[in-house]
Amino acid sequence: MTGLGKRTAILTLCRFANYGLMMISPIILVRLLSVGEFGRYREFLLYVSLLVSFATLSINESLLYFVPRYPESIWRVVRQTVLLVACSSIVVVAVVAVADILAGGTILGGFRTPLAVYTLLFSNIDFWESLLLARGQPLRMFAYTSGRLLARLLVVVGLAAATRDVQSIVWGLIGLETVRLAISTSLWRLSARERLEPPVKQLWREQLQFCVPTAVAVLLGMGNQSLGNVVVAKAIGVAALAQFTIGTYGQPIVEAARNSISAVVLPEMVRLSMSDSTRGLLLWKQSTVVNCMVLFPCAVLVFHFAEQLVVTVFGVSYRPAVPLLQIYVFGLLRSCVDFVPALRAINKTRPLVYGSLAALIANAVCLWFLVPAHGLAGAMWSWVVSEFVDALLLGAAVLALYGTPFRRLLPWRSLLSVAAAAVGASPAIMPGFWVTSLGFFGVVLASLLYLGAFVAISLTLRIPEAWSLWYRARRFAAAAMA
């Protein structure tokens, strides 16, 4: 567990650093581009995220399962993964391009050619992050992802400052991905050793059985996340989409915290579940508590200081995004419990499809009724409702597949204690002078005070995971000072 905890901590810090890079780009762009132009740029990214999700079908992420399962044939698995992504991306781009042509260019908002080219370049030979995580090398993964993000940041900001033109930014990104693909292909050819590895029987069948349900679930989940954006862009306008984007701006940090833990835990759960599924489930429960310890305090701070965060970071033009960010916090609370690793660890991915489909339907129904009545707030509430629908179905699937009673599904006492600590520390941020007297600097000081109180209360309540993290932090600090 010590090595696992260390890898999780490293990966979480790496992804937080990457999130910091991701934050910089929009903060600068809102000052270089008008609200309308920034909305067009976000519209392009929205279509890219959808197309890339369809093109990759979570095939690269299957390495987190198959690399620990077949450690002697890693590069054979990688080669098959590359071929699957190539076939999938070509088919998806061709189908969407034809559909856009038949629809008179109304589907892709005038971005047909750059979207097709960018999707093919971005999707292919991009297995390195999952491969490095599956092999327990988070620092190398950080070097790859942060280097890619930094290059993208320089291209986007540089072209925005020079041209103030979204089309120029898009083609600059295409040029960058061309270079990335060439370098990635060369590194793969230098590293691959599949000819020296033993073949794996029925690997195609096994990987497809794993990937297809997972991919469908991810696509439905992506559709669920993007449905509100699409409705806002088409029904209200790109300026409203810019506001809605800022309201969901915390999503990358949520994914950084939750997915870091899941990405490290999943390969270990696979190894443990091969002998006893209950051992893997126990590890998942512990990771869930850690997830809550990271996200619960974030939810309290974001809700309380939403206005100061939005106005300070993005400017007064984005003040309408403040209530959207506060509504988003309720979805953040649902994200604390991630049922996906528990299902993937035993290769039972079909329930992911049912949960994502139910969430998408719930979101669509809520959008139909809430957007006309409540506008952007209705779109955000629709997404929150869909997230809880997904959680209910996935939780029921975990109960059935592991044969565990509800009272043992999660470490309820620890979770309630974490929630109590998050709420109990909130008086530290309540005094108004933090903002009125000190401004944004007061927000930082109050947040630090709140986090200190949260840690103290968590240790007082004797949450096992809190004490485990505390002991490791003390050992790390002692070693650093020695």
Protein backbone atom coordinates (compact mmCIF):
# COMPACT_ATOMS: atom_id res chain seq x y z
CA MET A 1 0.00 0.00 0.00
CA THR A 2 2.93 2.34 0.59
CA GLY A 3 4.08 2.10 -3.03
CA LEU A 4 0.51 2.42 -4.23
CA GLY A 5 -0.10 5.48 -2.08
CA LYS A 6 3.13 7.05 -3.32
CA ARG A 7 2.19 6.51 -6.97
CA THR A 8 -1.28 7.92 -6.30
CA ALA A 9 0.15 11.03 -4.62
CA ILE A 10 2.65 11.59 -7.44
CA LEU A 11 0.01 11.14 -10.12
CA THR A 12 -2.46 13.44 -8.35
CA LEU A 13 0.16 16.17 -8.00
CA CYS A 14 1.14 15.70 -11.64
CA ARG A 15 -2.42 16.07 -12.83
CA PHE A 16 -2.99 19.08 -10.62
CA ALA A 17 0.07 20.63 -12.25
CA ASN A 18 -1.37 19.81 -15.65
CA TYR A 19 -4.67 21.33 -14.55
CA GLY A 20 -2.77 24.49 -13.70
CA LEU A 21 -1.51 24.60 -17.29
CA MET A 22 -5.05 24.03 -18.58
CA MET A 23 -6.34 26.92 -16.44
CA ILE A 24 -3.88 29.39 -17.89
CA SER A 25 -5.13 29.16 -21.47
CA PRO A 26 -8.78 30.22 -20.88
CA ILE A 27 -7.71 32.90 -18.40
CA ILE A 28 -5.55 34.49 -21.08
CA LEU A 29 -7.95 33.85 -23.96
CA VAL A 30 -10.88 35.63 -22.33
CA ARG A 31 -8.70 38.73 -22.33
CA LEU A 32 -7.48 38.33 -25.92
CA LEU A 33 -10.76 37.28 -27.54
CA SER A 34 -14.25 38.72 -27.34
CA VAL A 35 -16.93 36.75 -25.51
CA GLY A 36 -18.33 35.66 -28.87
CA GLU A 37 -14.96 34.56 -30.28
CA PHE A 38 -14.12 32.73 -27.06
CA GLY A 39 -17.49 31.00 -27.38
CA ARG A 40 -16.58 29.90 -30.95
CA TYR A 41 -13.27 28.51 -29.71
CA ARG A 42 -15.09 26.59 -26.97
CA GLU A 43 -17.56 25.37 -29.59
CA PHE A 44 -14.66 23.90 -31.59
CA LEU A 45 -13.28 22.21 -28.46
CA LEU A 46 -16.74 20.84 -27.70
CA TYR A 47 -16.96 19.17 -31.10
CA VAL A 48 -13.37 17.92 -30.77
CA SER A 49 -14.06 16.31 -27.40
CA LEU A 50 -17.09 14.50 -28.81
CA LEU A 51 -15.33 13.31 -31.97
CA VAL A 52 -12.21 12.18 -30.12
CA SER A 53 -14.34 10.25 -27.62
CA PHE A 54 -16.09 8.45 -30.47
CA ALA A 55 -12.83 7.92 -32.35
CA THR A 56 -10.86 6.44 -29.45
CA LEU A 57 -13.69 4.51 -27.75
CA SER A 58 -11.61 4.28 -24.54
CA ILE A 59 -9.42 1.70 -26.29
CA ASN A 60 -6.21 3.25 -24.96
CA GLU A 61 -7.57 3.09 -21.41
CA SER A 62 -7.95 -0.68 -21.74
CA LEU A 63 -4.18 -0.87 -21.27
CA LEU A 64 -4.80 -0.21 -17.57
CA TYR A 65 -6.47 -3.64 -17.51
CA PHE A 66 -4.51 -5.67 -20.07
CA VAL A 67 -0.96 -4.60 -19.25
CA PRO A 68 -1.12 -5.97 -15.67
CA ARG A 69 -3.07 -8.99 -16.95
CA TYR A 70 -0.49 -9.88 -19.63
CA PRO A 71 2.80 -8.41 -18.38
CA GLU A 72 4.87 -10.62 -20.72
CA SER A 73 3.16 -9.35 -23.90
CA ILE A 74 2.87 -5.62 -23.32
CA TRP A 75 3.89 -4.46 -26.79
CA ARG A 76 1.60 -6.96 -28.50
CA VAL A 77 -1.26 -5.45 -26.54
CA VAL A 78 -0.06 -1.94 -27.47
CA ARG A 79 0.16 -2.81 -31.18
CA GLN A 80 -3.37 -4.19 -31.17
CA THR A 81 -4.58 -1.10 -29.32
CA VAL A 82 -3.04 1.19 -31.96
CA LEU A 83 -4.71 -0.75 -34.79
CA LEU A 84 -8.10 -0.62 -33.10
CA VAL A 85 -7.88 3.14 -32.55
CA ALA A 86 -6.79 3.71 -36.16
CA CYS A 87 -9.76 1.77 -37.56
CA SER A 88 -12.22 3.41 -35.18
CA SER A 89 -11.02 6.97 -35.81
CA ILE A 90 -11.14 6.63 -39.61
CA VAL A 91 -14.68 5.27 -39.53
CA VAL A 92 -15.95 7.93 -37.11
CA VAL A 93 -14.43 10.85 -39.01
CA ALA A 94 -15.77 9.56 -42.33
CA VAL A 95 -19.31 9.07 -40.98
CA VAL A 96 -19.46 12.48 -39.30
CA ALA A 97 -18.03 14.28 -42.34
CA VAL A 98 -20.60 12.68 -44.64
CA ALA A 99 -23.40 13.51 -42.20
CA ASP A 100 -22.28 17.16 -42.05
CA ILE A 101 -22.17 17.38 -45.85
CA LEU A 102 -25.67 15.93 -46.15
CA ALA A 103 -26.89 18.38 -43.48
CA GLY A 104 -25.46 21.34 -45.34
CA GLY A 105 -22.69 21.98 -42.82
CA THR A 106 -25.03 22.61 -39.89
CA ILE A 107 -23.72 19.83 -37.64
CA LEU A 108 -20.11 20.90 -37.17
CA GLY A 109 -20.61 24.67 -37.24
CA GLY A 110 -18.33 25.32 -40.23
CA PHE A 111 -15.39 23.40 -38.73
CA ARG A 112 -15.74 20.24 -40.87
CA THR A 113 -12.29 19.99 -42.46
CA PRO A 114 -10.19 21.12 -39.47
CA LEU A 115 -12.22 18.91 -37.14
CA ALA A 116 -11.68 15.84 -39.33
CA VAL A 117 -7.94 16.42 -39.65
CA TYR A 118 -7.45 17.33 -35.99
CA THR A 119 -9.41 14.31 -34.74
CA LEU A 120 -7.32 11.86 -36.77
CA LEU A 121 -4.05 13.44 -35.66
CA PHE A 122 -5.05 13.79 -32.00
CA SER A 123 -6.49 10.29 -31.58
CA ASN A 124 -3.82 8.05 -33.08
CA ILE A 125 -0.71 6.67 -31.38
CA ASP A 126 -1.64 8.35 -28.14
CA PHE A 127 -1.38 5.35 -25.81
CA TRP A 128 1.56 6.58 -23.74
CA GLU A 129 -0.37 7.94 -20.75
CA SER A 130 -2.27 4.70 -20.11
CA LEU A 131 0.80 2.56 -20.78
CA LEU A 132 3.00 4.49 -18.37
CA LEU A 133 0.31 4.44 -15.68
CA ALA A 134 -0.22 0.69 -16.08
CA ARG A 135 3.53 0.17 -15.69
CA GLY A 136 3.68 2.31 -12.54
CA GLN A 137 5.60 5.25 -14.07
CA PRO A 138 3.59 8.39 -13.18
CA LEU A 139 6.57 10.76 -13.48
CA ARG A 140 7.17 9.79 -17.10
CA MET A 141 3.46 10.14 -17.72
CA PHE A 142 3.64 13.64 -16.25
CA ALA A 143 6.52 14.56 -18.55
CA TYR A 144 4.51 13.42 -21.58
CA THR A 145 1.20 15.07 -20.71
CA SER A 146 2.62 18.30 -19.32
CA GLY A 147 4.92 18.73 -22.30
CA ARG A 148 1.99 18.26 -24.63
CA LEU A 149 -0.18 20.71 -22.68
CA LEU A 150 2.56 23.32 -22.50
CA ALA A 151 3.14 23.15 -26.25
CA ARG A 152 -0.61 23.50 -26.86
CA LEU A 153 -0.76 26.47 -24.47
CA LEU A 154 2.05 28.28 -26.27
CA VAL A 155 0.49 27.70 -29.69
CA VAL A 156 -3.03 28.78 -28.67
CA VAL A 157 -2.00 31.88 -26.72
CA GLY A 158 0.63 32.91 -29.25
CA LEU A 159 -1.75 32.72 -32.20
CA ALA A 160 -4.57 34.37 -30.24
CA ALA A 161 -2.32 37.31 -29.40
CA ALA A 162 -1.00 37.58 -32.96
CA THR A 163 -4.18 37.09 -34.97
CA ARG A 164 -7.25 37.25 -32.65
CA ASP A 165 -8.65 34.71 -35.12
CA VAL A 166 -10.13 31.34 -34.07
CA GLN A 167 -9.43 29.68 -37.44
CA SER A 168 -5.72 30.50 -37.13
CA ILE A 169 -5.66 28.98 -33.63
CA VAL A 170 -7.35 25.81 -34.92
CA TRP A 171 -4.87 25.30 -37.76
CA GLY A 172 -2.00 26.00 -35.40
CA LEU A 173 -3.24 23.16 -33.18
CA ILE A 174 -3.39 20.91 -36.25
CA GLY A 175 0.26 21.67 -37.02
CA LEU A 176 1.23 20.90 -33.42
CA GLU A 177 -0.56 17.53 -33.48
CA THR A 178 1.19 16.66 -36.74
CA VAL A 179 4.54 17.08 -35.01
CA ARG A 180 3.31 15.14 -31.96
CA LEU A 181 2.16 12.22 -34.09
CA ALA A 182 5.51 12.01 -35.91
CA ILE A 183 7.48 11.99 -32.64
CA SER A 184 5.13 9.48 -30.99
CA THR A 185 5.39 7.12 -33.98
CA SER A 186 9.18 7.23 -33.86
CA LEU A 187 9.30 6.53 -30.11
CA TRP A 188 6.89 3.62 -30.51
CA ARG A 189 9.00 2.01 -33.23
CA LEU A 190 12.14 2.39 -31.10
CA SER A 191 10.49 0.95 -27.97
CA ALA A 192 8.31 -1.87 -29.33
CA ARG A 193 9.54 -5.44 -28.80
CA GLU A 194 6.43 -7.44 -29.68
CA ARG A 195 8.36 -9.97 -31.81
CA LEU A 196 10.18 -11.13 -28.68
CA GLU A 197 6.97 -11.51 -26.66
CA PRO A 198 4.73 -14.59 -26.46
CA PRO A 199 1.39 -14.38 -28.32
CA VAL A 200 -1.83 -14.03 -26.35
CA LYS A 201 -4.67 -16.31 -27.38
CA GLN A 202 -7.97 -14.60 -28.20
CA LEU A 203 -6.58 -11.19 -27.29
CA TRP A 204 -8.68 -9.51 -29.99
CA ARG A 205 -11.85 -11.05 -28.62
CA GLU A 206 -11.01 -10.29 -25.01
CA GLN A 207 -10.05 -6.69 -25.69
CA LEU A 208 -13.18 -6.07 -27.74
CA GLN A 209 -15.34 -7.58 -24.99
CA PHE A 210 -13.72 -5.18 -22.54
CA CYS A 211 -13.66 -2.11 -24.77
CA VAL A 212 -17.04 -2.17 -26.49
CA PRO A 213 -19.24 -1.82 -23.37
CA THR A 214 -16.75 0.57 -21.79
CA ALA A 215 -16.58 2.62 -24.98
CA VAL A 216 -20.37 2.80 -25.31
CA ALA A 217 -20.61 3.88 -21.67
CA VAL A 218 -17.92 6.54 -22.14
CA LEU A 219 -19.59 7.82 -25.28
CA LEU A 220 -22.92 8.04 -23.52
CA GLY A 221 -21.22 9.72 -20.58
CA MET A 222 -19.50 12.18 -22.88
CA GLY A 223 -22.81 12.79 -24.61
CA ASN A 224 -24.38 13.39 -21.24
CA GLN A 225 -21.68 15.90 -20.26
CA SER A 226 -21.83 17.65 -23.62
CA LEU A 227 -25.60 17.62 -24.13
CA GLY A 228 -26.11 20.70 -21.99
CA ASN A 229 -23.32 22.52 -23.87
CA VAL A 230 -24.85 21.64 -27.23
CA VAL A 231 -28.33 22.74 -26.13
CA VAL A 232 -26.97 26.00 -24.73
CA ALA A 233 -24.93 26.70 -27.89
CA LYS A 234 -27.82 25.98 -30.25
CA ALA A 235 -30.74 27.35 -28.21
CA ILE A 236 -29.21 30.33 -26.40
CA GLY A 237 -25.98 31.16 -28.27
CA VAL A 238 -22.20 30.93 -28.11
CA ALA A 239 -21.96 33.80 -25.60
CA ALA A 240 -24.13 31.80 -23.22
CA LEU A 241 -21.93 28.76 -23.92
CA ALA A 242 -18.93 30.78 -22.75
CA GLN A 243 -20.72 31.50 -19.44
CA PHE A 244 -21.78 27.86 -19.11
CA THR A 245 -18.19 26.73 -19.74
CA ILE A 246 -16.92 28.87 -16.87
CA GLY A 247 -19.63 27.38 -14.64
CA THR A 248 -18.20 23.91 -15.23
CA TYR A 249 -14.61 25.07 -15.07
CA GLY A 250 -13.89 22.90 -12.03
CA GLN A 251 -14.41 19.66 -13.96
CA PRO A 252 -10.73 19.17 -14.88
CA ILE A 253 -9.62 19.38 -11.25
CA VAL A 254 -12.30 16.87 -10.27
CA GLU A 255 -11.09 14.51 -12.95
CA ALA A 256 -7.48 15.12 -11.93
CA ALA A 257 -8.20 14.04 -8.35
CA ARG A 258 -10.67 11.22 -9.01
CA ASN A 259 -9.07 9.75 -12.13
CA SER A 260 -5.59 9.85 -10.62
CA ILE A 261 -6.73 7.63 -7.79
CA SER A 262 -8.72 5.36 -10.10
CA ALA A 263 -5.94 5.05 -12.67
CA VAL A 264 -3.44 3.88 -10.06
CA VAL A 265 -5.92 1.69 -8.18
CA LEU A 266 -7.38 -0.13 -11.21
CA PRO A 267 -4.25 -2.11 -12.24
CA GLU A 268 -3.71 -3.10 -8.60
CA MET A 269 -7.38 -4.12 -8.28
CA VAL A 270 -6.98 -6.30 -11.38
CA ARG A 271 -4.03 -8.10 -9.81
CA LEU A 272 -5.83 -8.57 -6.49
CA SER A 273 -9.16 -9.60 -8.06
CA MET A 274 -7.51 -12.38 -10.08
CA SER A 275 -7.18 -14.32 -6.79
CA ASP A 276 -9.98 -12.83 -4.65
CA SER A 277 -12.43 -10.14 -5.79
CA THR A 278 -13.11 -9.02 -2.21
CA ARG A 279 -9.49 -7.87 -1.86
CA GLY A 280 -9.90 -5.61 -4.85
CA LEU A 281 -13.18 -4.27 -3.48
CA LEU A 282 -11.52 -3.41 -0.15
CA LEU A 283 -8.87 -1.38 -1.98
CA TRP A 284 -11.60 0.43 -3.91
CA LYS A 285 -13.39 1.35 -0.66
CA GLN A 286 -10.22 2.84 0.75
CA SER A 287 -9.63 4.84 -2.43
CA THR A 288 -13.21 6.16 -2.25
CA VAL A 289 -12.59 7.60 1.21
CA VAL A 290 -9.43 9.30 -0.06
CA ASN A 291 -11.42 10.65 -3.00
CA CYS A 292 -13.95 12.19 -0.62
CA MET A 293 -11.20 13.67 1.54
CA VAL A 294 -9.94 15.53 -1.54
CA LEU A 295 -13.27 16.60 -3.07
CA PHE A 296 -15.49 17.39 -0.06
CA PRO A 297 -13.35 20.36 1.08
CA CYS A 298 -13.07 21.56 -2.53
CA ALA A 299 -16.88 21.56 -2.80
CA VAL A 300 -17.28 23.71 0.33
CA LEU A 301 -14.63 26.22 -0.75
CA VAL A 302 -15.87 26.54 -4.33
CA PHE A 303 -19.49 27.05 -3.24
CA HIS A 304 -18.60 29.69 -0.66
CA PHE A 305 -16.08 31.66 -2.74
CA ALA A 306 -17.69 31.15 -6.17
CA GLU A 307 -18.13 34.87 -6.89
CA GLN A 308 -14.59 35.81 -5.89
CA LEU A 309 -13.15 32.96 -7.97
CA VAL A 310 -15.11 33.79 -11.13
CA VAL A 311 -14.75 37.57 -11.04
CA THR A 312 -11.06 37.53 -10.09
CA VAL A 313 -9.98 34.86 -12.56
CA PHE A 314 -12.23 35.62 -15.54
CA GLY A 315 -13.45 39.19 -15.01
CA VAL A 316 -16.78 40.86 -14.33
CA SER A 317 -18.11 39.91 -17.78
CA TYR A 318 -18.44 36.34 -16.49
CA ARG A 319 -20.33 37.16 -13.28
CA PRO A 320 -23.46 35.33 -14.61
CA ALA A 321 -21.45 32.10 -14.28
CA VAL A 322 -21.34 32.39 -10.46
CA PRO A 323 -24.67 30.63 -9.71
CA LEU A 324 -23.81 28.01 -12.34
CA LEU A 325 -20.59 27.20 -10.51
CA GLN A 326 -22.48 26.87 -7.22
CA ILE A 327 -25.00 24.47 -8.79
CA TYR A 328 -22.09 22.51 -10.25
CA VAL A 329 -20.83 21.83 -6.72
CA PHE A 330 -23.73 19.39 -6.16
CA GLY A 331 -22.51 17.33 -9.11
CA LEU A 332 -19.03 17.50 -7.61
CA LEU A 333 -20.33 15.74 -4.49
CA ARG A 334 -21.60 12.83 -6.60
CA SER A 335 -18.17 12.53 -8.24
CA CYS A 336 -16.66 11.55 -4.90
CA VAL A 337 -17.77 7.92 -5.39
CA ASP A 338 -16.45 6.41 -8.62
CA PHE A 339 -17.99 2.98 -9.26
CA VAL A 340 -16.18 2.46 -12.58
CA PRO A 341 -12.94 0.87 -11.23
CA ALA A 342 -14.94 -1.64 -9.16
CA LEU A 343 -16.68 -2.86 -12.33
CA ARG A 344 -13.69 -2.72 -14.65
CA ALA A 345 -11.51 -4.67 -12.22
CA ILE A 346 -13.66 -7.78 -12.71
CA ASN A 347 -14.27 -7.07 -16.43
CA LYS A 348 -17.98 -6.42 -15.89
CA THR A 349 -18.42 -3.28 -17.95
CA ARG A 350 -21.93 -3.72 -19.35
CA PRO A 351 -23.59 -1.95 -16.36
CA LEU A 352 -21.62 1.14 -17.34
CA VAL A 353 -23.69 1.29 -20.52
CA TYR A 354 -26.99 1.07 -18.65
CA GLY A 355 -25.98 3.74 -16.15
CA SER A 356 -24.73 6.15 -18.81
CA LEU A 357 -27.81 5.61 -20.98
CA ALA A 358 -30.15 6.27 -18.06
CA ALA A 359 -28.17 9.41 -17.17
CA LEU A 360 -28.35 10.68 -20.76
CA ILE A 361 -32.12 10.15 -20.90
CA ALA A 362 -32.59 11.86 -17.53
CA ASN A 363 -30.48 14.80 -18.70
CA ALA A 364 -32.42 15.15 -21.96
CA VAL A 365 -35.78 15.08 -20.17
CA CYS A 366 -34.67 17.66 -17.61
CA LEU A 367 -33.20 19.91 -20.32
CA TRP A 368 -36.51 19.81 -22.21
CA PHE A 369 -38.40 21.16 -19.21
CA LEU A 370 -35.81 23.23 -17.33
CA VAL A 371 -33.95 25.19 -20.02
CA PRO A 372 -37.03 27.06 -21.35
CA ALA A 373 -38.01 27.97 -17.78
CA HIS A 374 -34.63 28.59 -16.13
CA GLY A 375 -32.07 29.02 -18.93
CA LEU A 376 -28.45 28.25 -18.02
CA ALA A 377 -29.32 27.28 -14.44
CA GLY A 378 -31.79 24.72 -15.79
CA ALA A 379 -29.08 23.21 -18.01
CA MET A 380 -26.74 22.85 -15.04
CA TRP A 381 -29.40 21.29 -12.79
CA SER A 382 -30.20 18.82 -15.58
CA TRP A 383 -26.60 17.62 -15.58
CA VAL A 384 -26.57 17.27 -11.77
CA VAL A 385 -29.72 15.12 -11.81
CA SER A 386 -28.26 12.88 -14.52
CA GLU A 387 -25.10 12.32 -12.47
CA PHE A 388 -27.07 11.00 -9.51
CA VAL A 389 -29.16 8.73 -11.75
CA ASP A 390 -25.94 7.19 -13.06
CA ALA A 391 -24.62 6.71 -9.51
CA LEU A 392 -27.77 4.86 -8.38
CA LEU A 393 -27.61 2.35 -11.22
CA LEU A 394 -23.86 1.72 -10.96
CA GLY A 395 -24.11 1.30 -7.20
CA ALA A 396 -26.84 -1.30 -7.66
CA ALA A 397 -24.65 -3.15 -10.19
CA VAL A 398 -21.68 -3.27 -7.79
CA LEU A 399 -23.96 -4.63 -5.05
CA ALA A 400 -25.22 -7.41 -7.33
CA LEU A 401 -21.91 -8.41 -8.94
CA TYR A 402 -19.90 -8.52 -5.72
CA GLY A 403 -22.76 -10.03 -3.72
CA THR A 404 -22.29 -7.58 -0.90
CA PRO A 405 -25.08 -6.04 1.23
CA PHE A 406 -25.74 -2.31 1.05
CA ARG A 407 -24.33 -1.65 4.52
CA ARG A 408 -20.95 -2.98 3.29
CA LEU A 409 -20.93 -1.35 -0.11
CA LEU A 410 -18.96 1.63 1.20
CA PRO A 411 -17.20 2.51 4.47
CA TRP A 412 -20.16 4.62 5.56
CA ARG A 413 -18.72 5.63 8.92
CA SER A 414 -15.57 7.03 7.32
CA LEU A 415 -17.55 8.83 4.61
CA LEU A 416 -19.90 10.43 7.14
CA SER A 417 -16.92 11.46 9.23
CA VAL A 418 -15.28 13.11 6.20
CA ALA A 419 -18.52 14.99 5.47
CA ALA A 420 -18.75 16.05 9.12
CA ALA A 421 -15.18 17.33 9.01
CA ALA A 422 -15.86 19.30 5.81
CA VAL A 423 -18.95 20.95 7.30
CA GLY A 424 -17.42 21.35 10.77
CA ALA A 425 -14.47 23.32 9.40
CA SER A 426 -16.69 25.77 7.50
CA PRO A 427 -16.89 28.43 10.28
CA ALA A 428 -13.28 29.24 9.42
CA ILE A 429 -14.37 30.80 6.11
CA MET A 430 -17.63 32.43 7.22
CA PRO A 431 -16.40 35.84 8.48
CA GLY A 432 -16.97 38.47 5.80
CA PHE A 433 -13.75 40.39 6.48
CA TRP A 434 -11.76 37.79 4.56
CA VAL A 435 -13.15 39.25 1.34
CA THR A 436 -14.16 42.79 2.30
CA SER A 437 -10.83 43.64 3.94
CA LEU A 438 -8.28 41.43 2.17
CA GLY A 439 -9.84 40.72 -1.22
CA PHE A 440 -8.71 37.62 -3.09
CA PHE A 441 -5.69 37.29 -0.79
CA GLY A 442 -8.19 36.83 2.04
CA VAL A 443 -9.82 34.00 0.07
CA VAL A 444 -6.47 32.23 -0.07
CA LEU A 445 -5.80 32.72 3.65
CA ALA A 446 -9.31 31.60 4.61
CA SER A 447 -9.00 28.51 2.42
CA LEU A 448 -5.72 27.54 4.06
CA LEU A 449 -7.25 28.01 7.50
CA TYR A 450 -10.26 25.93 6.47
CA LEU A 451 -8.06 23.09 5.16
CA GLY A 452 -6.07 23.08 8.40
CA ALA A 453 -9.29 22.83 10.40
CA PHE A 454 -10.53 20.05 8.11
CA VAL A 455 -7.37 18.01 8.69
CA ALA A 456 -7.55 18.54 12.45
CA ILE A 457 -11.19 17.46 12.65
CA SER A 458 -10.53 14.43 10.40
CA LEU A 459 -7.75 13.25 12.71
CA THR A 460 -9.90 13.92 15.79
CA LEU A 461 -12.68 11.76 14.32
CA ARG A 462 -10.05 9.04 13.81
CA ILE A 463 -10.72 8.40 10.15
CA PRO A 464 -8.31 5.53 9.30
CA GLU A 465 -7.40 6.87 5.86
CA ALA A 466 -6.74 10.33 7.31
CA TRP A 467 -4.32 8.92 9.87
CA SER A 468 -2.63 6.81 7.20
CA LEU A 469 -2.07 9.90 5.04
CA TRP A 470 -0.94 11.87 8.07
CA TYR A 471 1.73 9.31 9.02
CA ARG A 472 3.00 9.16 5.44
CA ALA A 473 3.15 12.96 5.22
CA ARG A 474 5.16 13.09 8.45
CA ARG A 475 7.59 10.44 7.22
CA PHE A 476 8.00 12.29 3.93
CA ALA A 477 8.63 15.58 5.72
CA ALA A 478 11.14 13.94 8.08
CA ALA A 479 12.98 12.37 5.15
CA ALA A 480 13.04 15.67 3.26
CA MET A 481 14.52 17.52 6.24
CA ALA A 482 17.09 14.85 7.04
